[in-house]
N, C-alpha and C. Protein backbone atom coordinates (compact mmCIF):
# COMPACT_ATOMS: atom_id res chain seq x y z
N MET A 1 51.51 36.95 30.69
CA MET A 1 50.96 38.12 30.55
C MET A 1 51.45 38.74 29.40
N GLY A 2 51.07 39.56 28.13
CA GLY A 2 51.18 40.07 27.05
C GLY A 2 51.87 41.00 26.93
N ASN A 3 52.47 41.65 25.73
CA ASN A 3 53.40 42.62 25.41
C ASN A 3 52.47 43.87 26.14
N LYS A 4 50.91 43.64 25.91
CA LYS A 4 50.19 45.47 25.88
C LYS A 4 50.59 44.64 27.16
N GLU A 5 50.43 43.93 28.20
CA GLU A 5 49.73 44.02 29.65
C GLU A 5 51.05 44.59 30.50
N ILE A 6 52.42 43.99 29.34
CA ILE A 6 53.60 44.87 30.20
C ILE A 6 53.76 46.44 29.85
N LEU A 7 53.26 46.61 28.82
CA LEU A 7 53.06 48.11 28.63
C LEU A 7 52.73 49.08 29.68
N GLU A 8 51.43 48.67 29.51
CA GLU A 8 50.27 49.38 30.73
C GLU A 8 51.10 49.15 31.81
N GLN A 9 51.62 47.97 32.55
CA GLN A 9 52.22 48.51 33.77
C GLN A 9 53.37 48.73 33.77
N ALA A 10 54.11 48.76 32.77
CA ALA A 10 55.27 49.62 32.50
C ALA A 10 54.97 51.20 32.51
N LEU A 11 53.94 51.82 32.14
CA LEU A 11 53.68 53.53 32.03
C LEU A 11 53.32 53.77 33.24
N THR A 12 52.96 53.13 34.13
CA THR A 12 52.36 53.38 35.73
C THR A 12 53.91 53.63 36.59
N LEU A 13 54.75 52.74 36.03
CA LEU A 13 55.98 53.56 36.97
C LEU A 13 56.33 55.15 36.97
N LYS A 14 57.41 55.28 37.94
CA LYS A 14 58.07 56.60 37.65
C LYS A 14 58.75 56.79 36.68
N PRO A 15 58.91 57.52 36.52
CA PRO A 15 60.04 57.77 34.97
C PRO A 15 61.31 57.43 35.19
N VAL A 16 61.67 57.72 36.57
CA VAL A 16 63.50 56.92 36.90
C VAL A 16 62.75 55.28 36.42
N ASP A 17 62.03 54.83 36.90
CA ASP A 17 62.08 53.52 37.03
C ASP A 17 61.81 53.26 35.35
N ARG A 18 61.02 53.85 34.78
CA ARG A 18 60.79 53.30 33.08
C ARG A 18 62.01 53.41 32.85
N LEU A 19 62.87 54.14 32.90
CA LEU A 19 64.21 54.61 32.56
C LEU A 19 65.03 53.19 32.34
N MET A 20 65.54 52.94 33.92
CA MET A 20 65.91 51.75 33.86
C MET A 20 65.15 50.91 33.09
N ILE A 21 64.23 50.29 32.79
CA ILE A 21 63.67 49.31 32.19
C ILE A 21 64.24 49.79 30.53
N ILE A 22 64.06 50.78 30.70
CA ILE A 22 64.72 51.21 28.81
C ILE A 22 65.92 50.83 28.52
N ASP A 23 66.80 51.36 29.52
CA ASP A 23 68.02 51.00 29.76
C ASP A 23 68.47 49.53 29.22
N GLY A 24 67.61 48.83 30.29
CA GLY A 24 67.96 47.53 30.70
C GLY A 24 67.48 46.89 29.09
N LEU A 25 66.66 46.91 28.54
CA LEU A 25 66.08 46.25 27.20
C LEU A 25 67.35 47.02 25.93
N LEU A 26 67.63 48.36 25.95
CA LEU A 26 68.29 48.55 25.02
C LEU A 26 69.84 47.77 25.21
N ARG A 27 70.39 47.78 25.92
CA ARG A 27 71.66 47.27 26.78
C ARG A 27 71.67 45.74 26.13
N SER A 28 70.37 45.09 26.49
CA SER A 28 70.55 43.29 26.02
C SER A 28 69.97 43.50 24.42
N LEU A 29 69.88 44.72 23.32
CA LEU A 29 69.88 44.74 22.19
C LEU A 29 71.46 44.63 21.48
N ASP A 30 72.17 45.59 22.72
CA ASP A 30 73.22 45.76 21.85
C ASP A 30 74.35 45.77 22.71
N GLU A 31 74.62 44.15 23.18
CA GLU A 31 75.69 43.58 23.49
C GLU A 31 77.06 43.68 23.13
N PRO A 32 78.12 44.20 23.77
CA PRO A 32 79.47 44.35 23.23
C PRO A 32 80.10 43.22 22.71
N ASP A 33 80.69 43.26 21.36
CA ASP A 33 81.61 42.30 20.67
C ASP A 33 82.93 42.46 21.19
N ALA A 34 83.53 41.46 21.71
CA ALA A 34 84.97 42.02 21.80
C ALA A 34 85.94 41.85 20.92
N LYS A 35 85.55 40.86 19.72
CA LYS A 35 86.23 40.74 18.92
C LYS A 35 86.26 42.09 18.14
N ILE A 36 85.28 42.69 17.79
CA ILE A 36 84.84 43.74 16.89
C ILE A 36 85.40 44.65 17.58
N ASP A 37 85.35 45.02 18.76
CA ASP A 37 86.26 45.87 19.56
C ASP A 37 87.47 46.37 19.87
N GLU A 38 88.32 44.60 19.24
CA GLU A 38 89.86 44.27 19.48
C GLU A 38 90.04 45.24 18.06
N LEU A 39 89.09 44.63 16.62
CA LEU A 39 89.90 45.02 15.88
C LEU A 39 89.75 46.49 15.23
N TRP A 40 88.54 47.09 15.93
CA TRP A 40 88.35 48.48 15.82
C TRP A 40 89.76 49.08 16.56
N ALA A 41 90.11 49.12 17.96
CA ALA A 41 90.88 49.38 18.34
C ALA A 41 92.70 49.21 17.61
N GLU A 42 92.56 48.14 16.92
CA GLU A 42 93.75 47.51 16.10
C GLU A 42 93.74 48.54 14.73
N GLU A 43 92.48 48.63 14.21
CA GLU A 43 92.33 49.74 13.02
C GLU A 43 92.72 51.30 13.44
N ALA A 44 92.32 51.49 14.91
CA ALA A 44 92.72 52.94 15.26
C ALA A 44 94.07 53.19 15.19
N GLU A 45 95.14 52.26 16.08
CA GLU A 45 96.03 52.35 15.97
C GLU A 45 96.60 52.35 14.97
N ASN A 46 96.86 51.70 14.14
CA ASN A 46 97.24 51.50 12.65
C ASN A 46 97.38 52.89 11.88
N ARG A 47 95.85 53.19 12.11
CA ARG A 47 95.72 54.83 11.16
C ARG A 47 96.68 55.61 12.52
N LEU A 48 97.04 55.58 13.87
CA LEU A 48 97.96 56.93 14.43
C LEU A 48 99.16 56.30 13.85
N LYS A 49 99.50 55.38 13.65
CA LYS A 49 101.36 54.85 13.01
C LYS A 49 100.86 55.14 11.89
N ALA A 50 100.10 55.55 11.13
CA ALA A 50 100.52 55.66 9.60
C ALA A 50 100.56 57.61 9.25
N TYR A 51 99.79 58.02 10.42
CA TYR A 51 99.59 59.09 10.52
C TYR A 51 100.66 59.87 10.92
N ARG A 52 101.28 59.24 12.02
CA ARG A 52 102.60 59.74 12.63
C ARG A 52 103.54 59.54 11.96
N GLU A 53 103.78 58.30 10.79
CA GLU A 53 104.58 58.32 10.26
C GLU A 53 104.51 59.16 8.78
N GLY A 54 103.77 59.95 9.00
CA GLY A 54 103.21 60.82 7.52
C GLY A 54 103.07 60.01 6.13
N ARG A 55 102.38 59.03 6.43
CA ARG A 55 101.72 58.03 5.44
C ARG A 55 100.30 58.68 5.01
N ILE A 56 99.49 59.22 5.91
CA ILE A 56 98.21 59.55 5.69
C ILE A 56 98.13 60.76 6.00
N GLU A 57 97.31 61.57 5.86
CA GLU A 57 97.19 63.45 6.27
C GLU A 57 95.91 63.34 7.10
N GLY A 58 95.87 64.12 7.91
CA GLY A 58 94.56 64.43 8.82
C GLY A 58 93.83 65.57 8.08
N ILE A 59 92.75 65.37 8.31
CA ILE A 59 91.38 66.64 7.89
C ILE A 59 91.47 67.12 9.45
N SER A 60 91.28 68.53 8.71
CA SER A 60 90.94 69.94 10.28
C SER A 60 89.69 69.44 10.77
N LEU A 61 89.23 69.56 11.72
CA LEU A 61 87.95 69.42 12.40
C LEU A 61 87.15 70.44 11.53
N ASP A 62 87.63 71.77 11.25
CA ASP A 62 86.56 72.62 10.59
C ASP A 62 86.19 71.96 9.15
N GLU A 63 86.74 71.22 8.55
CA GLU A 63 86.74 70.07 7.27
C GLU A 63 85.69 69.20 7.78
N VAL A 64 86.06 68.91 8.66
CA VAL A 64 85.43 67.54 8.82
C VAL A 64 83.39 68.06 9.12
N PHE A 65 83.72 69.29 9.39
CA PHE A 65 82.27 69.40 10.01
C PHE A 65 81.40 70.55 9.38
N MET A 66 82.25 70.79 8.24
CA MET A 66 81.98 71.87 7.18
C MET A 66 80.89 71.25 7.17
N THR A 67 79.29 72.00 6.60
CA THR A 67 77.98 71.78 5.77
C THR A 67 78.31 72.27 4.72
N ARG A 68 77.77 71.63 3.60
CA ARG A 68 77.86 71.45 2.19
C ARG A 68 76.22 72.20 1.98
């Protein structure tokens, strides 16, 4: 069965079933990487520590979302 036939069959499914297929396909493309998650968590902890120690300044939420 080719891609075109798979798509045609998928389009006959109920919306909730199509959503489950879409979700499964997307998840298969974006599998979590534990090492990357670990590095981001470490970076976040380092930034929070630096902020609390006064080595870096925070930016207000209004400034972050200010449009130019």
